[in-house]
Amino acid sequence: MKSRGKITGSWSSLGLPAVFLLCIFFFFLGFFGSSLLSQQVENDYSLNPRPRVLSEKEYEYDPLPRGDSGDDSFTTIPFQVLSWTPRALYFPGFATAEQCESVIKMAKVKLAPSTLALRKGETAENTKGIRTSSGMFISASEDKTGVLDQIEKKIERATMIPRSHGEAFNVLRYEIGQRYNSHYDAFNPTEYGPQKSQRVHDSLNLISLCIYMCI
């Protein structure tokens, strides 16, 4: 019958209490060491922040057969979600500086005092001062340079809304001290009388149908 041998070695000679204390020591050493390391990484990042760019891996895709109004290639427009509620998206470099300057140049020669929708009984005189900006409307078909046509096509792709659903571009100029105290995009016919059109979705209007610039 085989006899059970005695366990020998440095760990057995230390005894159970000593081994237990050593385990606790190495545990706290690792815990505090990892905390200090992560804090150092966070400090380095705060001093030299690096924005994250999320993108899918590059794959080769074959475009599907398109309809009469579709595209024969893929389109990528970079954007960042600033907020889901309310919905706010940031499209960096959506229009180039040259395109903006072209729109400003076109708008300057046609700027006129902004109009205000009047309720029954209101006049331009007794509502004076509510809206003091100047502005103008221009459609892509009126732009001979083709700049608005390019911007409109990009808006169509970014919003997934056909160009036929859009309005003309609205360019507004607010100088220092100018304002618009009352802003409505939908008008009750009982208060304002018959209306030719009503804007169904104001956020869509602000994103895809109007251009606001400092001129």
N, C-alpha and C. Protein backbone atom coordinates (compact mmCIF):
# COMPACT_ATOMS: atom_id res chain seq x y z
N MET A 1 0.86 -1.19 0.00
CA MET A 1 0.00 0.00 0.00
C MET A 1 0.89 1.22 0.00
N LYS A 2 0.63 2.11 -0.97
CA LYS A 2 1.47 3.30 -1.12
C LYS A 2 1.19 4.29 0.00
N SER A 3 2.26 4.83 0.53
CA SER A 3 2.10 5.83 1.59
C SER A 3 1.95 7.22 0.99
N ARG A 4 1.21 8.09 1.61
CA ARG A 4 0.98 9.46 1.11
C ARG A 4 2.17 10.31 1.49
N GLY A 5 2.84 10.89 0.48
CA GLY A 5 4.02 11.69 0.73
C GLY A 5 3.68 13.05 1.29
N LYS A 6 4.64 13.63 2.00
CA LYS A 6 4.45 14.96 2.55
C LYS A 6 4.71 16.02 1.50
N ILE A 7 3.95 17.11 1.54
CA ILE A 7 4.12 18.23 0.60
C ILE A 7 5.24 19.10 1.08
N THR A 8 6.21 19.30 0.22
CA THR A 8 7.36 20.13 0.58
C THR A 8 7.46 21.29 -0.37
N GLY A 9 8.20 22.31 0.01
CA GLY A 9 8.35 23.48 -0.85
C GLY A 9 8.23 24.75 -0.06
N SER A 10 8.52 25.88 -0.75
CA SER A 10 8.52 27.18 -0.08
C SER A 10 7.15 27.59 0.39
N TRP A 11 6.09 27.32 -0.44
CA TRP A 11 4.74 27.74 -0.07
C TRP A 11 4.26 27.01 1.18
N SER A 12 4.57 25.70 1.28
CA SER A 12 4.10 24.94 2.45
C SER A 12 4.82 25.37 3.71
N SER A 13 6.08 25.80 3.54
CA SER A 13 6.85 26.22 4.71
C SER A 13 6.37 27.55 5.28
N LEU A 14 5.72 28.36 4.44
CA LEU A 14 5.23 29.66 4.92
C LEU A 14 4.01 29.52 5.82
N GLY A 15 3.22 28.54 5.58
CA GLY A 15 2.02 28.37 6.39
C GLY A 15 0.82 29.04 5.73
N LEU A 16 -0.34 28.58 6.09
CA LEU A 16 -1.58 29.08 5.50
C LEU A 16 -1.81 30.57 5.73
N PRO A 17 -1.62 31.09 6.94
CA PRO A 17 -1.85 32.54 7.16
C PRO A 17 -0.95 33.41 6.30
N ALA A 18 0.32 33.02 6.13
CA ALA A 18 1.24 33.82 5.32
C ALA A 18 0.83 33.81 3.86
N VAL A 19 0.44 32.66 3.36
CA VAL A 19 -0.02 32.56 1.96
C VAL A 19 -1.26 33.41 1.73
N PHE A 20 -2.15 33.38 2.70
CA PHE A 20 -3.38 34.18 2.60
C PHE A 20 -3.06 35.67 2.55
N LEU A 21 -2.14 36.12 3.40
CA LEU A 21 -1.75 37.53 3.41
C LEU A 21 -1.08 37.93 2.11
N LEU A 22 -0.24 37.03 1.57
CA LEU A 22 0.41 37.34 0.28
C LEU A 22 -0.62 37.47 -0.85
N CYS A 23 -1.63 36.64 -0.85
CA CYS A 23 -2.69 36.72 -1.87
C CYS A 23 -3.43 38.06 -1.79
N ILE A 24 -3.74 38.47 -0.56
CA ILE A 24 -4.41 39.75 -0.38
C ILE A 24 -3.53 40.90 -0.86
N PHE A 25 -2.23 40.81 -0.55
CA PHE A 25 -1.30 41.87 -0.96
C PHE A 25 -1.24 42.02 -2.47
N PHE A 26 -1.10 40.88 -3.18
CA PHE A 26 -1.02 40.94 -4.64
C PHE A 26 -2.34 41.37 -5.27
N PHE A 27 -3.45 41.04 -4.60
CA PHE A 27 -4.76 41.46 -5.12
C PHE A 27 -4.89 42.98 -5.10
N PHE A 28 -4.58 43.59 -3.94
CA PHE A 28 -4.68 45.05 -3.84
C PHE A 28 -3.64 45.75 -4.69
N LEU A 29 -2.45 45.13 -4.83
CA LEU A 29 -1.43 45.71 -5.70
C LEU A 29 -1.91 45.80 -7.14
N GLY A 30 -2.54 44.72 -7.61
CA GLY A 30 -3.07 44.72 -8.97
C GLY A 30 -4.24 45.67 -9.13
N PHE A 31 -5.11 45.72 -8.11
CA PHE A 31 -6.29 46.57 -8.18
C PHE A 31 -5.93 48.05 -8.26
N PHE A 32 -5.08 48.49 -7.32
CA PHE A 32 -4.70 49.91 -7.31
C PHE A 32 -3.78 50.25 -8.49
N GLY A 33 -2.98 49.30 -8.90
CA GLY A 33 -2.12 49.55 -10.06
C GLY A 33 -2.92 49.78 -11.33
N SER A 34 -3.96 48.96 -11.55
CA SER A 34 -4.81 49.13 -12.74
C SER A 34 -5.59 50.43 -12.67
N SER A 35 -6.03 50.84 -11.46
CA SER A 35 -6.76 52.09 -11.30
C SER A 35 -5.88 53.29 -11.64
N LEU A 36 -4.63 53.26 -11.14
CA LEU A 36 -3.70 54.35 -11.44
C LEU A 36 -3.39 54.41 -12.92
N LEU A 37 -3.25 53.25 -13.57
CA LEU A 37 -2.94 53.22 -15.00
C LEU A 37 -4.09 53.77 -15.82
N SER A 38 -5.34 53.38 -15.48
CA SER A 38 -6.50 53.88 -16.22
C SER A 38 -6.68 55.37 -16.02
N GLN A 39 -6.39 55.87 -14.80
CA GLN A 39 -6.49 57.31 -14.53
C GLN A 39 -5.47 58.08 -15.35
N GLN A 40 -4.27 57.52 -15.49
CA GLN A 40 -3.24 58.18 -16.29
C GLN A 40 -3.64 58.24 -17.75
N VAL A 41 -4.26 57.17 -18.25
CA VAL A 41 -4.72 57.15 -19.65
C VAL A 41 -5.80 58.20 -19.86
N GLU A 42 -6.74 58.33 -18.88
CA GLU A 42 -7.80 59.34 -19.00
C GLU A 42 -7.24 60.74 -18.99
N ASN A 43 -6.22 60.98 -18.14
CA ASN A 43 -5.59 62.31 -18.10
C ASN A 43 -4.90 62.63 -19.41
N ASP A 44 -4.22 61.65 -19.98
CA ASP A 44 -3.57 61.87 -21.27
C ASP A 44 -4.59 62.17 -22.35
N TYR A 45 -5.75 61.48 -22.30
CA TYR A 45 -6.78 61.71 -23.31
C TYR A 45 -7.40 63.09 -23.16
N SER A 46 -7.59 63.55 -21.90
CA SER A 46 -8.18 64.87 -21.67
C SER A 46 -7.26 65.98 -22.17
N LEU A 47 -5.95 65.75 -22.08
CA LEU A 47 -5.00 66.75 -22.56
C LEU A 47 -4.87 66.71 -24.07
N ASN A 48 -4.99 65.53 -24.65
CA ASN A 48 -4.87 65.36 -26.09
C ASN A 48 -6.04 64.51 -26.59
N PRO A 49 -7.25 65.09 -26.61
CA PRO A 49 -8.42 64.30 -27.01
C PRO A 49 -8.33 63.90 -28.48
N ARG A 50 -8.76 62.69 -28.75
CA ARG A 50 -8.78 62.20 -30.13
C ARG A 50 -10.21 61.80 -30.46
N PRO A 51 -10.87 62.55 -31.36
CA PRO A 51 -12.26 62.21 -31.71
C PRO A 51 -12.33 60.85 -32.36
N ARG A 52 -13.40 60.13 -32.04
CA ARG A 52 -13.60 58.82 -32.63
C ARG A 52 -14.37 58.95 -33.94
N VAL A 53 -13.94 58.25 -34.93
CA VAL A 53 -14.63 58.21 -36.21
C VAL A 53 -15.12 56.80 -36.41
N LEU A 54 -16.44 56.65 -36.39
CA LEU A 54 -17.04 55.33 -36.55
C LEU A 54 -17.37 55.10 -38.01
N SER A 55 -16.87 54.04 -38.54
CA SER A 55 -17.15 53.73 -39.94
C SER A 55 -17.16 52.22 -40.12
N GLU A 56 -17.87 51.78 -41.11
CA GLU A 56 -17.91 50.36 -41.40
C GLU A 56 -16.64 49.95 -42.13
N LYS A 57 -16.34 48.67 -42.05
CA LYS A 57 -15.20 48.16 -42.80
C LYS A 57 -15.46 48.33 -44.29
N GLU A 58 -14.39 48.52 -45.02
CA GLU A 58 -14.53 48.72 -46.46
C GLU A 58 -14.71 47.37 -47.16
N TYR A 59 -15.82 47.24 -47.81
CA TYR A 59 -16.09 46.05 -48.58
C TYR A 59 -16.44 46.47 -50.01
N GLU A 60 -16.31 45.55 -50.90
CA GLU A 60 -16.69 45.80 -52.27
C GLU A 60 -18.14 45.35 -52.46
N TYR A 61 -19.00 46.29 -52.77
CA TYR A 61 -20.40 45.99 -52.99
C TYR A 61 -20.75 46.23 -54.46
N ASP A 62 -21.61 45.40 -54.97
CA ASP A 62 -22.11 45.58 -56.33
C ASP A 62 -23.47 46.26 -56.25
N PRO A 63 -23.63 47.45 -56.86
CA PRO A 63 -24.92 48.14 -56.83
C PRO A 63 -26.02 47.28 -57.43
N LEU A 64 -27.20 47.36 -56.84
CA LEU A 64 -28.36 46.63 -57.34
C LEU A 64 -28.97 47.37 -58.52
N PRO A 65 -29.76 46.69 -59.32
CA PRO A 65 -30.45 47.39 -60.42
C PRO A 65 -31.32 48.51 -59.87
N ARG A 66 -31.26 49.68 -60.46
CA ARG A 66 -31.98 50.85 -59.95
C ARG A 66 -33.22 51.13 -60.79
N GLY A 67 -34.10 51.91 -60.19
CA GLY A 67 -35.28 52.36 -60.92
C GLY A 67 -34.97 53.61 -61.72
N ASP A 68 -35.99 54.21 -62.29
CA ASP A 68 -35.80 55.40 -63.12
C ASP A 68 -35.24 56.57 -62.33
N SER A 69 -35.57 56.64 -61.04
CA SER A 69 -35.13 57.78 -60.23
C SER A 69 -34.02 57.42 -59.25
N GLY A 70 -33.40 56.25 -59.41
CA GLY A 70 -32.37 55.82 -58.48
C GLY A 70 -30.97 56.21 -58.92
N ASP A 71 -29.99 55.74 -58.17
CA ASP A 71 -28.58 56.00 -58.47
C ASP A 71 -27.91 54.71 -58.92
N ASP A 72 -26.88 54.86 -59.75
CA ASP A 72 -26.14 53.69 -60.21
C ASP A 72 -24.86 53.47 -59.41
N SER A 73 -24.69 54.21 -58.31
CA SER A 73 -23.51 54.05 -57.46
C SER A 73 -23.88 54.37 -56.02
N PHE A 74 -22.97 54.03 -55.09
CA PHE A 74 -23.20 54.30 -53.67
C PHE A 74 -22.79 55.72 -53.32
N THR A 75 -23.49 56.30 -52.34
CA THR A 75 -23.18 57.65 -51.87
C THR A 75 -22.96 57.60 -50.36
N THR A 76 -21.87 58.21 -49.90
CA THR A 76 -21.58 58.28 -48.48
C THR A 76 -21.47 59.73 -48.05
N ILE A 77 -22.28 60.13 -47.07
CA ILE A 77 -22.25 61.49 -46.53
C ILE A 77 -21.96 61.38 -45.04
N PRO A 78 -20.79 61.81 -44.58
CA PRO A 78 -20.47 61.69 -43.15
C PRO A 78 -21.37 62.58 -42.30
N PHE A 79 -21.77 62.06 -41.13
CA PHE A 79 -22.60 62.84 -40.22
C PHE A 79 -22.39 62.35 -38.80
N GLN A 80 -22.77 63.20 -37.85
CA GLN A 80 -22.68 62.87 -36.43
C GLN A 80 -24.03 63.15 -35.79
N VAL A 81 -24.51 62.23 -34.97
CA VAL A 81 -25.77 62.42 -34.24
C VAL A 81 -25.47 63.23 -32.99
N LEU A 82 -25.97 64.46 -32.93
CA LEU A 82 -25.79 65.30 -31.75
C LEU A 82 -26.85 65.00 -30.70
N SER A 83 -28.05 64.67 -31.15
CA SER A 83 -29.14 64.39 -30.21
C SER A 83 -30.22 63.62 -30.95
N TRP A 84 -30.79 62.63 -30.26
CA TRP A 84 -31.94 61.92 -30.82
C TRP A 84 -33.24 62.60 -30.45
N THR A 85 -33.28 63.21 -29.25
CA THR A 85 -34.49 63.92 -28.81
C THR A 85 -34.08 65.25 -28.21
N PRO A 86 -34.25 66.37 -28.90
CA PRO A 86 -34.77 66.46 -30.26
C PRO A 86 -33.74 65.97 -31.27
N ARG A 87 -34.19 65.61 -32.45
CA ARG A 87 -33.30 65.08 -33.47
C ARG A 87 -32.39 66.19 -34.00
N ALA A 88 -31.09 65.98 -33.88
CA ALA A 88 -30.11 66.97 -34.35
C ALA A 88 -28.92 66.23 -34.93
N LEU A 89 -28.64 66.46 -36.19
CA LEU A 89 -27.52 65.82 -36.88
C LEU A 89 -26.55 66.88 -37.39
N TYR A 90 -25.28 66.54 -37.37
CA TYR A 90 -24.23 67.45 -37.85
C TYR A 90 -23.57 66.84 -39.08
N PHE A 91 -23.63 67.58 -40.20
CA PHE A 91 -23.00 67.14 -41.44
C PHE A 91 -21.80 68.05 -41.71
N PRO A 92 -20.60 67.61 -41.36
CA PRO A 92 -19.42 68.48 -41.55
C PRO A 92 -19.14 68.71 -43.03
N GLY A 93 -18.89 69.98 -43.37
CA GLY A 93 -18.54 70.32 -44.75
C GLY A 93 -19.64 70.01 -45.74
N PHE A 94 -20.91 70.15 -45.29
CA PHE A 94 -22.02 69.80 -46.20
C PHE A 94 -22.00 70.68 -47.45
N ALA A 95 -21.74 71.97 -47.27
CA ALA A 95 -21.56 72.89 -48.39
C ALA A 95 -20.18 73.51 -48.26
N THR A 96 -19.47 73.60 -49.35
CA THR A 96 -18.12 74.15 -49.31
C THR A 96 -18.16 75.66 -49.12
N ALA A 97 -17.03 76.24 -48.73
CA ALA A 97 -16.95 77.69 -48.55
C ALA A 97 -17.24 78.41 -49.86
N GLU A 98 -16.78 77.84 -50.97
CA GLU A 98 -17.03 78.45 -52.29
C GLU A 98 -18.51 78.43 -52.63
N GLN A 99 -19.20 77.33 -52.31
CA GLN A 99 -20.63 77.25 -52.57
C GLN A 99 -21.40 78.27 -51.73
N CYS A 100 -21.01 78.41 -50.47
CA CYS A 100 -21.67 79.39 -49.60
C CYS A 100 -21.47 80.81 -50.11
N GLU A 101 -20.26 81.12 -50.53
CA GLU A 101 -19.99 82.45 -51.07
C GLU A 101 -20.81 82.71 -52.33
N SER A 102 -21.01 81.69 -53.14
CA SER A 102 -21.82 81.84 -54.35
C SER A 102 -23.28 82.14 -54.01
N VAL A 103 -23.82 81.44 -53.00
CA VAL A 103 -25.20 81.69 -52.57
C VAL A 103 -25.33 83.09 -52.00
N ILE A 104 -24.36 83.52 -51.20
CA ILE A 104 -24.38 84.86 -50.62
C ILE A 104 -24.38 85.92 -51.72
N LYS A 105 -23.55 85.71 -52.72
CA LYS A 105 -23.46 86.67 -53.83
C LYS A 105 -24.78 86.77 -54.57
N MET A 106 -25.44 85.63 -54.78
CA MET A 106 -26.74 85.65 -55.47
C MET A 106 -27.79 86.34 -54.64
N ALA A 107 -27.76 86.11 -53.32
CA ALA A 107 -28.81 86.62 -52.45
C ALA A 107 -28.72 88.12 -52.22
N LYS A 108 -27.52 88.64 -52.17
CA LYS A 108 -27.32 90.06 -51.82
C LYS A 108 -28.11 91.00 -52.71
N VAL A 109 -28.17 90.70 -53.99
CA VAL A 109 -28.81 91.63 -54.93
C VAL A 109 -30.33 91.54 -54.87
N LYS A 110 -30.88 90.55 -54.18
CA LYS A 110 -32.33 90.37 -54.15
C LYS A 110 -32.91 90.44 -52.74
N LEU A 111 -32.09 90.82 -51.75
CA LEU A 111 -32.60 90.89 -50.38
C LEU A 111 -33.66 91.98 -50.24
N ALA A 112 -34.69 91.66 -49.50
CA ALA A 112 -35.78 92.61 -49.25
C ALA A 112 -36.28 92.39 -47.83
N PRO A 113 -36.94 93.40 -47.23
CA PRO A 113 -37.46 93.23 -45.87
C PRO A 113 -38.33 91.97 -45.77
N SER A 114 -38.10 91.18 -44.73
CA SER A 114 -38.85 89.94 -44.54
C SER A 114 -40.32 90.26 -44.26
N THR A 115 -41.19 89.44 -44.82
CA THR A 115 -42.62 89.64 -44.63
C THR A 115 -43.11 88.85 -43.42
N LEU A 116 -44.30 89.19 -42.96
CA LEU A 116 -44.88 88.55 -41.79
C LEU A 116 -46.33 88.19 -42.11
N ALA A 117 -46.70 86.94 -41.81
CA ALA A 117 -48.10 86.54 -42.00
C ALA A 117 -48.97 87.30 -40.99
N LEU A 118 -50.05 87.87 -41.46
CA LEU A 118 -50.89 88.71 -40.62
C LEU A 118 -52.19 88.02 -40.27
N ARG A 119 -52.60 88.15 -39.01
CA ARG A 119 -53.91 87.67 -38.59
C ARG A 119 -54.97 88.67 -39.06
N LYS A 120 -56.20 88.26 -38.98
CA LYS A 120 -57.29 89.15 -39.36
C LYS A 120 -57.29 90.36 -38.43
N GLY A 121 -57.27 91.53 -38.99
CA GLY A 121 -57.26 92.76 -38.20
C GLY A 121 -55.87 93.34 -38.03
N GLU A 122 -54.81 92.55 -38.29
CA GLU A 122 -53.44 93.05 -38.17
C GLU A 122 -53.02 93.74 -39.46
N THR A 123 -52.14 94.73 -39.31
CA THR A 123 -51.60 95.44 -40.47
C THR A 123 -50.08 95.50 -40.35
N ALA A 124 -49.44 95.88 -41.44
CA ALA A 124 -47.98 95.98 -41.43
C ALA A 124 -47.52 97.04 -40.43
N GLU A 125 -48.38 98.03 -40.20
CA GLU A 125 -48.00 99.12 -39.30
C GLU A 125 -48.04 98.69 -37.84
N ASN A 126 -49.14 98.02 -37.41
CA ASN A 126 -49.23 97.66 -36.00
C ASN A 126 -48.44 96.40 -35.64
N THR A 127 -47.81 95.75 -36.64
CA THR A 127 -46.93 94.60 -36.36
C THR A 127 -45.47 94.95 -36.67
N LYS A 128 -45.22 96.20 -36.88
CA LYS A 128 -43.86 96.64 -37.19
C LYS A 128 -42.92 96.35 -36.02
N GLY A 129 -41.77 95.79 -36.31
CA GLY A 129 -40.80 95.48 -35.27
C GLY A 129 -40.80 94.03 -34.82
N ILE A 130 -41.83 93.25 -35.23
CA ILE A 130 -41.85 91.84 -34.85
C ILE A 130 -40.78 91.06 -35.62
N ARG A 131 -40.66 91.38 -36.91
CA ARG A 131 -39.65 90.72 -37.75
C ARG A 131 -38.87 91.81 -38.49
N THR A 132 -37.58 91.88 -38.21
CA THR A 132 -36.79 93.00 -38.75
C THR A 132 -35.68 92.55 -39.69
N SER A 133 -35.66 91.29 -40.05
CA SER A 133 -34.61 90.78 -40.92
C SER A 133 -34.91 91.09 -42.38
N SER A 134 -34.01 90.69 -43.25
CA SER A 134 -34.23 90.76 -44.70
C SER A 134 -33.95 89.39 -45.28
N GLY A 135 -34.56 89.11 -46.40
CA GLY A 135 -34.37 87.78 -46.97
C GLY A 135 -34.83 87.70 -48.41
N MET A 136 -34.72 86.52 -48.96
CA MET A 136 -35.15 86.27 -50.34
C MET A 136 -35.31 84.77 -50.55
N PHE A 137 -36.07 84.40 -51.57
CA PHE A 137 -36.24 83.00 -51.95
C PHE A 137 -35.63 82.80 -53.34
N ILE A 138 -34.99 81.67 -53.52
CA ILE A 138 -34.44 81.33 -54.83
C ILE A 138 -34.47 79.82 -55.01
N SER A 139 -34.89 79.37 -56.16
CA SER A 139 -34.94 77.94 -56.44
C SER A 139 -33.72 77.52 -57.24
N ALA A 140 -33.44 76.24 -57.24
CA ALA A 140 -32.27 75.72 -57.96
C ALA A 140 -32.39 75.98 -59.45
N SER A 141 -33.61 75.98 -59.98
CA SER A 141 -33.80 76.21 -61.41
C SER A 141 -33.44 77.64 -61.81
N GLU A 142 -33.46 78.58 -60.86
CA GLU A 142 -33.12 79.98 -61.16
C GLU A 142 -31.60 80.23 -61.09
N ASP A 143 -30.87 79.30 -60.49
CA ASP A 143 -29.43 79.47 -60.31
C ASP A 143 -28.70 78.94 -61.54
N LYS A 144 -28.12 79.85 -62.32
CA LYS A 144 -27.42 79.46 -63.54
C LYS A 144 -26.05 78.85 -63.26
N THR A 145 -25.52 79.05 -62.04
CA THR A 145 -24.20 78.51 -61.71
C THR A 145 -24.26 77.02 -61.39
N GLY A 146 -25.42 76.51 -61.05
CA GLY A 146 -25.57 75.10 -60.71
C GLY A 146 -25.22 74.75 -59.27
N VAL A 147 -24.86 75.76 -58.46
CA VAL A 147 -24.47 75.51 -57.08
C VAL A 147 -25.65 74.99 -56.27
N LEU A 148 -26.80 75.65 -56.38
CA LEU A 148 -27.97 75.22 -55.62
C LEU A 148 -28.44 73.83 -56.07
N ASP A 149 -28.24 73.51 -57.33
CA ASP A 149 -28.60 72.19 -57.83
C ASP A 149 -27.75 71.12 -57.14
N GLN A 150 -26.45 71.37 -56.96
CA GLN A 150 -25.56 70.43 -56.28
C GLN A 150 -25.96 70.28 -54.81
N ILE A 151 -26.24 71.41 -54.15
CA ILE A 151 -26.63 71.35 -52.74
C ILE A 151 -27.96 70.62 -52.58
N GLU A 152 -28.88 70.88 -53.48
CA GLU A 152 -30.20 70.26 -53.40
C GLU A 152 -30.11 68.74 -53.58
N LYS A 153 -29.24 68.30 -54.48
CA LYS A 153 -29.05 66.86 -54.68
C LYS A 153 -28.47 66.21 -53.42
N LYS A 154 -27.55 66.91 -52.77
CA LYS A 154 -26.96 66.38 -51.55
C LYS A 154 -27.98 66.34 -50.42
N ILE A 155 -28.83 67.36 -50.34
CA ILE A 155 -29.91 67.38 -49.35
C ILE A 155 -30.85 66.19 -49.58
N GLU A 156 -31.15 65.92 -50.84
CA GLU A 156 -32.03 64.82 -51.19
C GLU A 156 -31.48 63.49 -50.70
N ARG A 157 -30.18 63.29 -50.85
CA ARG A 157 -29.57 62.04 -50.42
C ARG A 157 -29.48 61.94 -48.89
N ALA A 158 -29.18 63.07 -48.25
CA ALA A 158 -29.01 63.06 -46.79
C ALA A 158 -30.34 62.85 -46.07
N THR A 159 -31.41 63.43 -46.59
CA THR A 159 -32.72 63.35 -45.93
C THR A 159 -33.58 62.20 -46.46
N MET A 160 -33.19 61.63 -47.62
CA MET A 160 -33.98 60.59 -48.27
C MET A 160 -35.36 61.12 -48.65
N ILE A 161 -35.45 62.41 -48.93
CA ILE A 161 -36.69 63.03 -49.37
C ILE A 161 -36.49 63.53 -50.80
N PRO A 162 -37.36 63.16 -51.75
CA PRO A 162 -37.19 63.60 -53.14
C PRO A 162 -37.17 65.12 -53.27
N ARG A 163 -36.42 65.62 -54.22
CA ARG A 163 -36.31 67.06 -54.43
C ARG A 163 -37.66 67.69 -54.74
N SER A 164 -38.54 66.92 -55.34
CA SER A 164 -39.85 67.45 -55.71
C SER A 164 -40.68 67.84 -54.49
N HIS A 165 -40.30 67.35 -53.29
CA HIS A 165 -41.05 67.66 -52.08
C HIS A 165 -40.53 68.93 -51.39
N GLY A 166 -39.51 69.55 -51.95
CA GLY A 166 -38.89 70.69 -51.29
C GLY A 166 -39.42 72.04 -51.77
N GLU A 167 -39.09 73.06 -51.02
CA GLU A 167 -39.41 74.43 -51.38
C GLU A 167 -38.17 75.10 -51.97
N ALA A 168 -38.34 76.35 -52.34
CA ALA A 168 -37.19 77.15 -52.77
C ALA A 168 -36.29 77.42 -51.56
N PHE A 169 -35.04 77.72 -51.80
CA PHE A 169 -34.12 78.06 -50.71
C PHE A 169 -34.47 79.44 -50.17
N ASN A 170 -34.47 79.53 -48.84
CA ASN A 170 -34.77 80.79 -48.17
C ASN A 170 -33.49 81.30 -47.52
N VAL A 171 -32.96 82.40 -48.02
CA VAL A 171 -31.75 83.00 -47.47
C VAL A 171 -32.16 84.20 -46.63
N LEU A 172 -31.78 84.20 -45.35
CA LEU A 172 -32.14 85.27 -44.43
C LEU A 172 -30.90 85.99 -43.93
N ARG A 173 -31.06 87.29 -43.72
CA ARG A 173 -29.97 88.10 -43.17
C ARG A 173 -30.44 88.80 -41.89
N TYR A 174 -29.77 88.48 -40.80
CA TYR A 174 -30.05 89.14 -39.52
C TYR A 174 -28.82 89.94 -39.13
N GLU A 175 -28.94 91.24 -39.13
CA GLU A 175 -27.85 92.08 -38.65
C GLU A 175 -27.93 92.16 -37.13
N ILE A 176 -26.90 92.71 -36.51
CA ILE A 176 -26.85 92.81 -35.05
C ILE A 176 -28.07 93.60 -34.56
N GLY A 177 -28.82 93.00 -33.63
CA GLY A 177 -30.00 93.65 -33.07
C GLY A 177 -31.29 93.30 -33.77
N GLN A 178 -31.23 92.69 -34.96
CA GLN A 178 -32.45 92.31 -35.66
C GLN A 178 -33.00 91.02 -35.07
N ARG A 179 -34.29 90.77 -35.27
CA ARG A 179 -34.94 89.64 -34.61
C ARG A 179 -36.19 89.20 -35.37
N TYR A 180 -36.73 88.09 -34.88
CA TYR A 180 -38.03 87.59 -35.34
C TYR A 180 -38.72 87.06 -34.09
N ASN A 181 -39.57 87.89 -33.48
CA ASN A 181 -40.19 87.54 -32.20
C ASN A 181 -41.27 86.48 -32.31
N SER A 182 -41.93 86.41 -33.46
CA SER A 182 -43.04 85.47 -33.62
C SER A 182 -42.79 84.64 -34.86
N HIS A 183 -42.63 83.33 -34.67
CA HIS A 183 -42.28 82.48 -35.80
C HIS A 183 -43.24 81.30 -35.87
N TYR A 184 -44.01 81.25 -36.95
CA TYR A 184 -44.95 80.15 -37.16
C TYR A 184 -44.76 79.62 -38.58
N ASP A 185 -44.81 78.31 -38.71
CA ASP A 185 -44.75 77.69 -40.02
C ASP A 185 -46.07 77.05 -40.41
N ALA A 186 -47.02 77.04 -39.49
CA ALA A 186 -48.36 76.56 -39.79
C ALA A 186 -49.34 77.63 -39.30
N PHE A 187 -50.33 77.93 -40.13
CA PHE A 187 -51.24 79.03 -39.84
C PHE A 187 -52.69 78.55 -39.84
N ASN A 188 -53.37 78.86 -38.76
CA ASN A 188 -54.78 78.48 -38.64
C ASN A 188 -55.60 79.35 -39.59
N PRO A 189 -56.28 78.75 -40.56
CA PRO A 189 -57.06 79.54 -41.53
C PRO A 189 -58.11 80.43 -40.88
N THR A 190 -58.62 80.02 -39.71
CA THR A 190 -59.63 80.86 -39.06
C THR A 190 -59.03 82.16 -38.54
N GLU A 191 -57.72 82.16 -38.26
CA GLU A 191 -57.05 83.37 -37.77
C GLU A 191 -56.36 84.13 -38.89
N TYR A 192 -55.75 83.38 -39.81
CA TYR A 192 -54.94 84.02 -40.85
C TYR A 192 -55.60 84.03 -42.22
N GLY A 193 -56.76 83.39 -42.34
CA GLY A 193 -57.40 83.33 -43.63
C GLY A 193 -56.86 82.17 -44.46
N PRO A 194 -57.35 82.00 -45.69
CA PRO A 194 -56.91 80.89 -46.54
C PRO A 194 -55.40 80.96 -46.81
N GLN A 195 -54.75 79.80 -46.77
CA GLN A 195 -53.31 79.72 -47.01
C GLN A 195 -53.03 78.86 -48.24
N LYS A 196 -52.06 79.29 -49.05
CA LYS A 196 -51.70 78.53 -50.25
C LYS A 196 -51.03 77.21 -49.88
N SER A 197 -50.24 77.22 -48.81
CA SER A 197 -49.53 76.00 -48.42
C SER A 197 -49.27 76.03 -46.92
N GLN A 198 -49.06 74.86 -46.35
CA GLN A 198 -48.71 74.72 -44.95
C GLN A 198 -47.49 73.81 -44.86
N ARG A 199 -46.54 74.18 -44.00
CA ARG A 199 -45.38 73.33 -43.80
C ARG A 199 -45.74 72.22 -42.81
N VAL A 200 -45.62 70.98 -43.26
CA VAL A 200 -46.06 69.85 -42.45
C VAL A 200 -45.04 69.54 -41.36
N HIS A 201 -43.75 69.64 -41.67
CA HIS A 201 -42.72 69.25 -40.72
C HIS A 201 -41.66 70.34 -40.69
N ASP A 202 -41.65 71.12 -39.60
CA ASP A 202 -40.75 72.26 -39.53
C ASP A 202 -39.29 71.84 -39.47
N SER A 203 -38.98 70.73 -38.76
CA SER A 203 -37.58 70.31 -38.66
C SER A 203 -37.04 69.92 -40.03
N LEU A 204 -37.88 69.27 -40.84
CA LEU A 204 -37.46 68.94 -42.20
C LEU A 204 -37.23 70.21 -43.00
N ASN A 205 -38.11 71.20 -42.79
CA ASN A 205 -37.96 72.47 -43.48
C ASN A 205 -36.64 73.13 -43.12
N LEU A 206 -36.29 73.15 -41.85
CA LEU A 206 -35.07 73.80 -41.42
C LEU A 206 -33.83 73.07 -41.93
N ILE A 207 -33.90 71.74 -42.03
CA ILE A 207 -32.74 70.99 -42.46
C ILE A 207 -32.56 71.06 -43.96
N SER A 208 -33.63 70.83 -44.70
CA SER A 208 -33.44 70.56 -46.13
C SER A 208 -33.97 71.64 -47.07
N LEU A 209 -34.75 72.60 -46.56
CA LEU A 209 -35.39 73.51 -47.48
C LEU A 209 -34.95 74.95 -47.32
N CYS A 210 -34.21 75.28 -46.29
CA CYS A 210 -33.81 76.66 -46.06
C CYS A 210 -32.31 76.75 -45.80
N ILE A 211 -31.73 77.84 -46.18
CA ILE A 211 -30.34 78.13 -45.88
C ILE A 211 -30.31 79.41 -45.07
N TYR A 212 -29.70 79.35 -43.88
CA TYR A 212 -29.55 80.53 -43.05
C TYR A 212 -28.07 80.90 -43.03
N MET A 213 -27.76 82.09 -43.45
CA MET A 213 -26.36 82.51 -43.53
C MET A 213 -26.21 83.92 -43.02
N CYS A 214 -25.00 84.24 -42.60
CA CYS A 214 -24.65 85.62 -42.24
C CYS A 214 -24.13 86.29 -43.51
N ILE A 215 -24.87 87.26 -43.99
CA ILE A 215 -24.47 87.94 -45.23
C ILE A 215 -24.02 89.37 -44.90
